[in-house]
């Protein structure tokens, strides 16, 4: 089961901080992050990679983006 971080409507750095908090909390697995700007998408991707997580999927969805990040 995926964990969802819904950061739509929030501006940076909030989506990044929410994602990093969830990464620290679960350590590994899959997280779906929802954001609504290119900047948030790029910043969340960069932050996840810096923690050793893989960007498994990025989709345009509901006027924003849905990122799937994974770590085994």
Protein backbone atom coordinates (compact mmCIF):
# COMPACT_ATOMS: atom_id res chain seq x y z
CA UNK A 1 0.00 0.00 0.00
CA UNK A 2 1.29 3.41 -0.94
CA UNK A 3 1.50 6.32 1.43
CA UNK A 4 0.21 9.60 0.00
CA UNK A 5 1.67 13.04 0.68
CA UNK A 6 -0.85 15.56 -0.64
CA UNK A 7 1.00 18.86 -1.00
CA UNK A 8 -1.26 20.37 -3.65
CA UNK A 9 -1.87 24.06 -3.09
CA UNK A 10 1.25 24.43 -0.96
CA UNK A 11 4.30 26.36 -2.03
CA UNK A 12 7.91 25.37 -1.48
CA UNK A 13 9.46 24.44 0.79
CA UNK A 14 6.36 22.81 2.31
CA UNK A 15 6.01 19.94 -0.22
CA UNK A 16 9.72 19.11 0.20
CA UNK A 17 9.52 19.21 4.00
CA UNK A 18 6.39 17.03 4.02
CA UNK A 19 8.07 14.51 1.72
CA UNK A 20 11.30 14.42 3.74
CA UNK A 21 9.33 13.94 6.97
CA UNK A 22 7.50 10.97 5.45
CA UNK A 23 10.79 9.52 4.11
CA UNK A 24 12.29 9.70 7.61
CA UNK A 25 9.15 8.16 9.09
CA UNK A 26 8.91 5.08 6.84
CA UNK A 27 12.61 4.63 5.79
CA UNK A 28 11.66 2.49 2.75
CA UNK A 29 8.69 1.56 0.60
CA UNK A 30 6.61 3.67 -1.76
CA UNK A 31 5.31 7.21 -1.37
CA UNK A 32 3.00 9.05 -3.74
CA UNK A 33 3.53 12.82 -3.63
CA UNK A 34 0.97 15.18 -5.16
CA UNK A 35 2.05 18.71 -6.07
CA UNK A 36 0.72 21.34 -8.43
CA UNK A 37 3.76 23.25 -9.74
CA UNK A 38 6.83 22.41 -11.81
CA UNK A 39 9.03 23.92 -9.11
CA UNK A 40 7.56 21.66 -6.41
CA UNK A 41 7.90 18.63 -8.70
CA UNK A 42 11.59 19.38 -9.33
CA UNK A 43 12.37 20.19 -5.69
CA UNK A 44 10.61 17.09 -4.34
CA UNK A 45 12.40 14.91 -6.92
CA UNK A 46 15.78 16.38 -6.00
CA UNK A 47 15.12 15.98 -2.25
CA UNK A 48 13.99 12.36 -2.62
CA UNK A 49 17.05 11.47 -4.72
CA UNK A 50 19.32 13.12 -2.14
CA UNK A 51 17.91 10.68 0.43
CA UNK A 52 18.59 7.67 -1.81
CA UNK A 53 15.04 7.30 -3.13
CA UNK A 54 14.22 6.53 -6.75
CA UNK A 55 11.71 8.54 -8.79
CA UNK A 56 9.70 5.61 -10.13
CA UNK A 57 6.99 7.55 -11.95
CA UNK A 58 5.79 11.09 -12.67
CA UNK A 59 2.31 11.72 -14.07
CA UNK A 60 0.39 14.86 -14.89
CA UNK A 61 -2.82 14.57 -12.93
CA UNK A 62 -5.64 16.90 -11.92
CA UNK A 63 -3.81 20.03 -13.07
CA UNK A 64 -0.68 19.05 -11.16
CA UNK A 65 1.75 16.19 -10.80
CA UNK A 66 1.82 12.86 -9.03
CA UNK A 67 5.28 11.54 -8.23
CA UNK A 68 5.85 7.98 -7.12
CA UNK A 69 9.06 7.57 -5.15
CA UNK A 70 10.46 4.23 -3.98
CA UNK A 71 13.19 2.77 -1.85
CA UNK A 72 13.77 -0.93 -1.17
